[in-house]
Amino acid sequence: IDPQKIFNPEIFNNLLSGIMDSALSITSSLYNWIMAL
């Protein structure tokens, strides 16, 4: 239960990078969503 290990900044950095990758994938599939609409 050590907070230094649980709330490691590297974990949040990886989480933010994952969110950014998801946002980029959504942007790259914008054509599919436009055609879907």
All heavy atoms as atom14 arrays in JSON, in Angstrom:
{
  "sequence": "IDPQKIFNPEIFNNLLSGIMDSALSITSSLYNWIMAL",
  "atom14_mask": [
    [1, 1, 1, 1, 1, 1, 1, 1, 0, 0, 0, 0, 0, 0],
    [1, 1, 1, 1, 1, 1, 1, 1, 0, 0, 0, 0, 0, 0],
    [1, 1, 1, 1, 1, 1, 1, 0, 0, 0, 0, 0, 0, 0],
    [1, 1, 1, 1, 1, 1, 1, 1, 1, 0, 0, 0, 0, 0],
    [1, 1, 1, 1, 1, 1, 1, 1, 1, 0, 0, 0, 0, 0],
    [1, 1, 1, 1, 1, 1, 1, 1, 0, 0, 0, 0, 0, 0],
    [1, 1, 1, 1, 1, 1, 1, 1, 1, 1, 1, 0, 0, 0],
    [1, 1, 1, 1, 1, 1, 1, 1, 0, 0, 0, 0, 0, 0],
    [1, 1, 1, 1, 1, 1, 1, 0, 0, 0, 0, 0, 0, 0],
    [1, 1, 1, 1, 1, 1, 1, 1, 1, 0, 0, 0, 0, 0],
    [1, 1, 1, 1, 1, 1, 1, 1, 0, 0, 0, 0, 0, 0],
    [1, 1, 1, 1, 1, 1, 1, 1, 1, 1, 1, 0, 0, 0],
    [1, 1, 1, 1, 1, 1, 1, 1, 0, 0, 0, 0, 0, 0],
    [1, 1, 1, 1, 1, 1, 1, 1, 0, 0, 0, 0, 0, 0],
    [1, 1, 1, 1, 1, 1, 1, 1, 0, 0, 0, 0, 0, 0],
    [1, 1, 1, 1, 1, 1, 1, 1, 0, 0, 0, 0, 0, 0],
    [1, 1, 1, 1, 1, 1, 0, 0, 0, 0, 0, 0, 0, 0],
    [1, 1, 1, 1, 0, 0, 0, 0, 0, 0, 0, 0, 0, 0],
    [1, 1, 1, 1, 1, 1, 1, 1, 0, 0, 0, 0, 0, 0],
    [1, 1, 1, 1, 1, 1, 1, 1, 0, 0, 0, 0, 0, 0],
    [1, 1, 1, 1, 1, 1, 1, 1, 0, 0, 0, 0, 0, 0],
    [1, 1, 1, 1, 1, 1, 0, 0, 0, 0, 0, 0, 0, 0],
    [1, 1, 1, 1, 1, 0, 0, 0, 0, 0, 0, 0, 0, 0],
    [1, 1, 1, 1, 1, 1, 1, 1, 0, 0, 0, 0, 0, 0],
    [1, 1, 1, 1, 1, 1, 0, 0, 0, 0, 0, 0, 0, 0],
    [1, 1, 1, 1, 1, 1, 1, 1, 0, 0, 0, 0, 0, 0],
    [1, 1, 1, 1, 1, 1, 1, 0, 0, 0, 0, 0, 0, 0],
    [1, 1, 1, 1, 1, 1, 0, 0, 0, 0, 0, 0, 0, 0],
    [1, 1, 1, 1, 1, 1, 0, 0, 0, 0, 0, 0, 0, 0],
    [1, 1, 1, 1, 1, 1, 1, 1, 0, 0, 0, 0, 0, 0],
    [1, 1, 1, 1, 1, 1, 1, 1, 1, 1, 1, 1, 0, 0],
    [1, 1, 1, 1, 1, 1, 1, 1, 0, 0, 0, 0, 0, 0],
    [1, 1, 1, 1, 1, 1, 1, 1, 1, 1, 1, 1, 1, 1],
    [1, 1, 1, 1, 1, 1, 1, 1, 0, 0, 0, 0, 0, 0],
    [1, 1, 1, 1, 1, 1, 1, 1, 0, 0, 0, 0, 0, 0],
    [1, 1, 1, 1, 1, 0, 0, 0, 0, 0, 0, 0, 0, 0],
    [1, 1, 1, 1, 1, 1, 1, 1, 0, 0, 0, 0, 0, 0]
  ],
  "atom14_positions": [
    [[0.83, -1.21, 0.0], [0.0, 0.0, 0.0], [0.86, 1.26, 0.0], [0.38, 2.33, 0.36], [-0.94, 0.01, 1.23], [-0.14, -0.02, 2.53], [-1.91, -1.15, 1.17], [-1.0, 0.08, 3.78], [0.0, 0.0, 0.0], [0.0, 0.0, 0.0], [0.0, 0.0, 0.0], [0.0, 0.0, 0.0], [0.0, 0.0, 0.0], [0.0, 0.0, 0.0]],
    [[2.13, 1.13, -0.4], [3.01, 2.29, -0.45], [2.55, 3.23, -1.55], [2.54, 2.86, -2.73], [4.45, 1.84, -0.73], [5.43, 3.0, -0.63], [4.98, 4.12, -0.3], [6.62, 2.78, -0.9], [0.0, 0.0, 0.0], [0.0, 0.0, 0.0], [0.0, 0.0, 0.0], [0.0, 0.0, 0.0], [0.0, 0.0, 0.0], [0.0, 0.0, 0.0]],
    [[2.15, 4.47, -1.24], [1.67, 5.39, -2.28], [2.72, 5.71, -3.32], [2.39, 6.01, -4.46], [1.28, 6.65, -1.48], [1.06, 6.17, -0.1], [2.01, 5.05, 0.1], [0.0, 0.0, 0.0], [0.0, 0.0, 0.0], [0.0, 0.0, 0.0], [0.0, 0.0, 0.0], [0.0, 0.0, 0.0], [0.0, 0.0, 0.0], [0.0, 0.0, 0.0]],
    [[4.0, 5.67, -2.93], [5.05, 5.96, -3.9], [5.06, 4.93, -5.03], [5.48, 5.24, -6.15], [6.41, 5.99, -3.2], [6.57, 7.1, -2.18], [6.62, 8.47, -2.85], [6.84, 8.57, -4.05], [6.4, 9.51, -2.08], [0.0, 0.0, 0.0], [0.0, 0.0, 0.0], [0.0, 0.0, 0.0], [0.0, 0.0, 0.0], [0.0, 0.0, 0.0]],
    [[4.61, 3.71, -4.71], [4.54, 2.68, -5.75], [3.2, 2.69, -6.47], [3.12, 2.5, -7.67], [4.79, 1.3, -5.14], [6.19, 1.16, -4.55], [6.38, -0.22, -3.95], [7.78, -0.38, -3.36], [7.97, -1.71, -2.75], [0.0, 0.0, 0.0], [0.0, 0.0, 0.0], [0.0, 0.0, 0.0], [0.0, 0.0, 0.0], [0.0, 0.0, 0.0]],
    [[2.13, 2.93, -5.69], [0.79, 2.92, -6.3], [0.62, 4.11, -7.22], [0.14, 3.99, -8.36], [-0.29, 2.91, -5.2], [-0.16, 1.65, -4.35], [-1.67, 3.01, -5.81], [-1.12, 1.61, -3.17], [0.0, 0.0, 0.0], [0.0, 0.0, 0.0], [0.0, 0.0, 0.0], [0.0, 0.0, 0.0], [0.0, 0.0, 0.0], [0.0, 0.0, 0.0]],
    [[1.01, 5.3, -6.75], [0.84, 6.53, -7.52], [2.15, 6.93, -8.19], [2.59, 8.08, -8.11], [0.32, 7.66, -6.63], [-0.96, 7.33, -5.94], [-0.99, 7.08, -4.59], [-2.14, 7.26, -6.67], [-2.19, 6.78, -3.95], [-3.33, 6.95, -6.04], [-3.35, 6.71, -4.68], [0.0, 0.0, 0.0], [0.0, 0.0, 0.0], [0.0, 0.0, 0.0]],
    [[2.81, 5.97, -8.78], [4.05, 6.26, -9.5], [3.76, 7.15, -10.7], [2.87, 6.85, -11.49], [4.67, 4.93, -9.97], [6.1, 5.11, -10.43], [6.5, 6.2, -10.83], [6.87, 4.04, -10.34], [0.0, 0.0, 0.0], [0.0, 0.0, 0.0], [0.0, 0.0, 0.0], [0.0, 0.0, 0.0], [0.0, 0.0, 0.0], [0.0, 0.0, 0.0]],
    [[4.51, 8.26, -10.87], [4.26, 9.13, -12.02], [4.38, 8.42, -13.36], [3.73, 8.8, -14.33], [5.33, 10.22, -11.87], [5.65, 10.23, -10.41], [5.51, 8.82, -9.96], [0.0, 0.0, 0.0], [0.0, 0.0, 0.0], [0.0, 0.0, 0.0], [0.0, 0.0, 0.0], [0.0, 0.0, 0.0], [0.0, 0.0, 0.0], [0.0, 0.0, 0.0]],
    [[5.22, 7.37, -13.43], [5.35, 6.65, -14.69], [4.04, 5.99, -15.1], [3.71, 5.9, -16.29], [6.45, 5.6, -14.58], [7.85, 6.19, -14.4], [8.89, 5.11, -14.34], [8.5, 3.91, -14.43], [10.08, 5.45, -14.22], [0.0, 0.0, 0.0], [0.0, 0.0, 0.0], [0.0, 0.0, 0.0], [0.0, 0.0, 0.0], [0.0, 0.0, 0.0]],
    [[3.27, 5.55, -14.09], [1.98, 4.93, -14.39], [1.05, 5.94, -15.04], [0.38, 5.66, -16.03], [1.35, 4.34, -13.11], [2.26, 3.23, -12.54], [-0.04, 3.8, -13.38], [1.78, 2.66, -11.24], [0.0, 0.0, 0.0], [0.0, 0.0, 0.0], [0.0, 0.0, 0.0], [0.0, 0.0, 0.0], [0.0, 0.0, 0.0], [0.0, 0.0, 0.0]],
    [[1.0, 7.16, -14.47], [0.14, 8.19, -15.02], [0.64, 8.66, -16.38], [-0.16, 9.0, -17.25], [0.04, 9.37, -14.04], [-0.85, 9.08, -12.88], [-0.35, 8.48, -11.74], [-2.2, 9.4, -12.91], [-1.17, 8.21, -10.66], [-3.03, 9.13, -11.84], [-2.52, 8.53, -10.7], [0.0, 0.0, 0.0], [0.0, 0.0, 0.0], [0.0, 0.0, 0.0]],
    [[1.96, 8.68, -16.56], [2.49, 9.05, -17.87], [2.1, 8.02, -18.92], [1.72, 8.38, -20.05], [4.01, 9.19, -17.8], [4.45, 10.38, -16.98], [3.72, 11.37, -16.88], [5.63, 10.31, -16.38], [0.0, 0.0, 0.0], [0.0, 0.0, 0.0], [0.0, 0.0, 0.0], [0.0, 0.0, 0.0], [0.0, 0.0, 0.0], [0.0, 0.0, 0.0]],
    [[2.18, 6.75, -18.54], [1.75, 5.7, -19.48], [0.25, 5.81, -19.76], [-0.2, 5.59, -20.89], [2.07, 4.32, -18.91], [3.56, 4.09, -18.79], [4.34, 4.66, -19.56], [3.96, 3.25, -17.84], [0.0, 0.0, 0.0], [0.0, 0.0, 0.0], [0.0, 0.0, 0.0], [0.0, 0.0, 0.0], [0.0, 0.0, 0.0], [0.0, 0.0, 0.0]],
    [[-0.52, 6.17, -18.7], [-1.96, 6.32, -18.89], [-2.26, 7.48, -19.83], [-3.09, 7.36, -20.75], [-2.63, 6.56, -17.54], [-4.15, 6.78, -17.55], [-4.86, 5.56, -18.12], [-4.67, 7.08, -16.15], [0.0, 0.0, 0.0], [0.0, 0.0, 0.0], [0.0, 0.0, 0.0], [0.0, 0.0, 0.0], [0.0, 0.0, 0.0], [0.0, 0.0, 0.0]],
    [[-1.58, 8.6, -19.65], [-1.8, 9.75, -20.53], [-1.36, 9.44, -21.95], [-2.03, 9.85, -22.92], [-1.04, 10.96, -19.98], [-1.58, 11.58, -18.69], [-0.67, 12.7, -18.22], [-2.99, 12.1, -18.9], [0.0, 0.0, 0.0], [0.0, 0.0, 0.0], [0.0, 0.0, 0.0], [0.0, 0.0, 0.0], [0.0, 0.0, 0.0], [0.0, 0.0, 0.0]],
    [[-0.24, 8.72, -22.1], [0.19, 8.36, -23.46], [-0.82, 7.43, -24.11], [-1.08, 7.54, -25.32], [1.57, 7.69, -23.4], [1.51, 6.48, -22.67], [0.0, 0.0, 0.0], [0.0, 0.0, 0.0], [0.0, 0.0, 0.0], [0.0, 0.0, 0.0], [0.0, 0.0, 0.0], [0.0, 0.0, 0.0], [0.0, 0.0, 0.0], [0.0, 0.0, 0.0]],
    [[-1.41, 6.53, -23.3], [-2.46, 5.67, -23.85], [-3.67, 6.46, -24.29], [-4.27, 6.18, -25.34], [0.0, 0.0, 0.0], [0.0, 0.0, 0.0], [0.0, 0.0, 0.0], [0.0, 0.0, 0.0], [0.0, 0.0, 0.0], [0.0, 0.0, 0.0], [0.0, 0.0, 0.0], [0.0, 0.0, 0.0], [0.0, 0.0, 0.0], [0.0, 0.0, 0.0]],
    [[-4.05, 7.46, -23.49], [-5.18, 8.31, -23.87], [-4.88, 9.09, -25.15], [-5.73, 9.21, -26.04], [-5.53, 9.27, -22.71], [-6.04, 8.48, -21.5], [-6.57, 10.29, -23.14], [-6.25, 9.33, -20.27], [0.0, 0.0, 0.0], [0.0, 0.0, 0.0], [0.0, 0.0, 0.0], [0.0, 0.0, 0.0], [0.0, 0.0, 0.0], [0.0, 0.0, 0.0]],
    [[-3.66, 9.59, -25.26], [-3.27, 10.32, -26.48], [-3.27, 9.4, -27.7], [-3.72, 9.79, -28.78], [-1.89, 10.94, -26.28], [-1.84, 12.05, -25.24], [-2.91, 13.44, -25.69], [-2.11, 14.0, -27.19], [0.0, 0.0, 0.0], [0.0, 0.0, 0.0], [0.0, 0.0, 0.0], [0.0, 0.0, 0.0], [0.0, 0.0, 0.0], [0.0, 0.0, 0.0]],
    [[-2.78, 8.17, -27.52], [-2.81, 7.22, -28.64], [-4.24, 6.91, -29.05], [-4.54, 6.8, -30.26], [-2.08, 5.93, -28.24], [-0.59, 6.15, -28.05], [-0.07, 7.15, -28.58], [0.04, 5.33, -27.34], [0.0, 0.0, 0.0], [0.0, 0.0, 0.0], [0.0, 0.0, 0.0], [0.0, 0.0, 0.0], [0.0, 0.0, 0.0], [0.0, 0.0, 0.0]],
    [[-5.13, 6.78, -28.07], [-6.54, 6.54, -28.39], [-7.14, 7.71, -29.14], [-7.9, 7.54, -30.09], [-7.33, 6.26, -27.11], [-6.81, 5.14, -26.44], [0.0, 0.0, 0.0], [0.0, 0.0, 0.0], [0.0, 0.0, 0.0], [0.0, 0.0, 0.0], [0.0, 0.0, 0.0], [0.0, 0.0, 0.0], [0.0, 0.0, 0.0], [0.0, 0.0, 0.0]],
    [[-6.79, 8.94, -28.69], [-7.3, 10.13, -29.38], [-6.79, 10.19, -30.81], [-7.54, 10.53, -31.74], [-6.89, 11.38, -28.62], [0.0, 0.0, 0.0], [0.0, 0.0, 0.0], [0.0, 0.0, 0.0], [0.0, 0.0, 0.0], [0.0, 0.0, 0.0], [0.0, 0.0, 0.0], [0.0, 0.0, 0.0], [0.0, 0.0, 0.0], [0.0, 0.0, 0.0]],
    [[-5.51, 9.84, -31.0], [-4.96, 9.84, -32.37], [-5.63, 8.77, -33.23], [-5.89, 9.0, -34.42], [-3.45, 9.61, -32.31], [-2.62, 10.75, -31.72], [-1.15, 10.34, -31.61], [-2.76, 12.02, -32.56], [0.0, 0.0, 0.0], [0.0, 0.0, 0.0], [0.0, 0.0, 0.0], [0.0, 0.0, 0.0], [0.0, 0.0, 0.0], [0.0, 0.0, 0.0]],
    [[-5.91, 7.6, -32.65], [-6.58, 6.56, -33.42], [-7.99, 6.97, -33.8], [-8.47, 6.68, -34.9], [-6.6, 5.25, -32.63], [-7.37, 5.41, -31.45], [0.0, 0.0, 0.0], [0.0, 0.0, 0.0], [0.0, 0.0, 0.0], [0.0, 0.0, 0.0], [0.0, 0.0, 0.0], [0.0, 0.0, 0.0], [0.0, 0.0, 0.0], [0.0, 0.0, 0.0]],
    [[-8.67, 7.68, -32.87], [-10.01, 8.18, -33.19], [-9.93, 9.21, -34.31], [-10.76, 9.22, -35.23], [-10.66, 8.78, -31.93], [-10.95, 7.68, -30.91], [-11.95, 9.52, -32.27], [-11.45, 8.19, -29.58], [0.0, 0.0, 0.0], [0.0, 0.0, 0.0], [0.0, 0.0, 0.0], [0.0, 0.0, 0.0], [0.0, 0.0, 0.0], [0.0, 0.0, 0.0]],
    [[-8.92, 10.07, -34.24], [-8.75, 11.08, -35.3], [-8.45, 10.42, -36.63], [-8.96, 10.83, -37.67], [-7.62, 12.04, -34.92], [-7.91, 12.62, -33.65], [-7.49, 13.15, -35.96], [0.0, 0.0, 0.0], [0.0, 0.0, 0.0], [0.0, 0.0, 0.0], [0.0, 0.0, 0.0], [0.0, 0.0, 0.0], [0.0, 0.0, 0.0], [0.0, 0.0, 0.0]],
    [[-7.6, 9.38, -36.61], [-7.27, 8.69, -37.85], [-8.47, 7.96, -38.44], [-8.55, 7.77, -39.66], [-6.13, 7.7, -37.61], [-6.53, 6.71, -36.68], [0.0, 0.0, 0.0], [0.0, 0.0, 0.0], [0.0, 0.0, 0.0], [0.0, 0.0, 0.0], [0.0, 0.0, 0.0], [0.0, 0.0, 0.0], [0.0, 0.0, 0.0], [0.0, 0.0, 0.0]],
    [[-9.41, 7.54, -37.6], [-10.61, 6.86, -38.1], [-11.77, 7.83, -38.29], [-12.92, 7.41, -38.31], [-11.02, 5.76, -37.12], [-11.34, 6.32, -35.86], [0.0, 0.0, 0.0], [0.0, 0.0, 0.0], [0.0, 0.0, 0.0], [0.0, 0.0, 0.0], [0.0, 0.0, 0.0], [0.0, 0.0, 0.0], [0.0, 0.0, 0.0], [0.0, 0.0, 0.0]],
    [[-11.44, 9.13, -38.41], [-12.5, 10.12, -38.6], [-13.28, 9.87, -39.88], [-14.5, 10.09, -39.93], [-11.87, 11.52, -38.63], [-12.83, 12.71, -38.68], [-13.73, 12.73, -37.45], [-12.06, 14.02, -38.81], [0.0, 0.0, 0.0], [0.0, 0.0, 0.0], [0.0, 0.0, 0.0], [0.0, 0.0, 0.0], [0.0, 0.0, 0.0], [0.0, 0.0, 0.0]],
    [[-12.61, 9.39, -40.91], [-13.29, 9.09, -42.18], [-14.36, 8.03, -41.97], [-15.49, 8.16, -42.49], [-12.27, 8.62, -43.22], [-12.89, 8.05, -44.47], [-13.42, 8.89, -45.44], [-12.96, 6.67, -44.66], [-14.0, 8.35, -46.59], [-13.54, 6.13, -45.8], [-14.06, 6.98, -46.76], [-14.64, 6.45, -47.88], [0.0, 0.0, 0.0], [0.0, 0.0, 0.0]],
    [[-14.03, 6.99, -41.2], [-15.01, 5.93, -40.95], [-16.23, 6.46, -40.21], [-17.37, 6.08, -40.51], [-14.38, 4.8, -40.14], [-13.36, 4.0, -40.94], [-13.42, 3.97, -42.17], [-12.42, 3.37, -40.25], [0.0, 0.0, 0.0], [0.0, 0.0, 0.0], [0.0, 0.0, 0.0], [0.0, 0.0, 0.0], [0.0, 0.0, 0.0], [0.0, 0.0, 0.0]],
    [[-16.0, 7.37, -39.24], [-17.12, 7.91, -38.48], [-17.98, 8.85, -39.32], [-19.2, 8.87, -39.17], [-16.61, 8.63, -37.24], [-16.14, 7.7, -36.16], [-14.86, 7.42, -35.8], [-16.98, 6.9, -35.32], [-14.84, 6.5, -34.8], [-16.12, 6.16, -34.47], [-18.35, 6.72, -35.2], [-16.59, 5.27, -33.52], [-18.82, 5.84, -34.25], [-17.97, 5.13, -33.43]],
    [[-17.33, 9.61, -40.2], [-18.12, 10.49, -41.09], [-18.99, 9.65, -42.01], [-20.19, 9.91, -42.2], [-17.19, 11.4, -41.89], [-16.5, 12.41, -40.96], [-17.97, 12.15, -42.98], [-15.47, 13.28, -41.63], [0.0, 0.0, 0.0], [0.0, 0.0, 0.0], [0.0, 0.0, 0.0], [0.0, 0.0, 0.0], [0.0, 0.0, 0.0], [0.0, 0.0, 0.0]],
    [[-18.39, 8.6, -42.6], [-19.18, 7.72, -43.46], [-20.25, 7.01, -42.65], [-21.36, 6.77, -43.16], [-18.26, 6.7, -44.13], [-17.28, 7.3, -45.12], [-18.12, 8.24, -46.43], [-19.14, 6.96, -47.16], [0.0, 0.0, 0.0], [0.0, 0.0, 0.0], [0.0, 0.0, 0.0], [0.0, 0.0, 0.0], [0.0, 0.0, 0.0], [0.0, 0.0, 0.0]],
    [[-19.96, 6.67, -41.4], [-20.95, 6.02, -40.56], [-22.14, 6.93, -40.3], [-23.3, 6.48, -40.29], [-20.31, 5.58, -39.25], [0.0, 0.0, 0.0], [0.0, 0.0, 0.0], [0.0, 0.0, 0.0], [0.0, 0.0, 0.0], [0.0, 0.0, 0.0], [0.0, 0.0, 0.0], [0.0, 0.0, 0.0], [0.0, 0.0, 0.0], [0.0, 0.0, 0.0]],
    [[-21.88, 8.22, -40.08], [-22.98, 9.17, -39.88], [-23.85, 9.29, -41.12], [-25.08, 9.38, -41.03], [-22.42, 10.53, -39.48], [-21.81, 10.62, -38.08], [-21.12, 11.97, -37.9], [-22.87, 10.43, -37.01], [0.0, 0.0, 0.0], [0.0, 0.0, 0.0], [0.0, 0.0, 0.0], [0.0, 0.0, 0.0], [0.0, 0.0, 0.0], [0.0, 0.0, 0.0]]
  ]
}
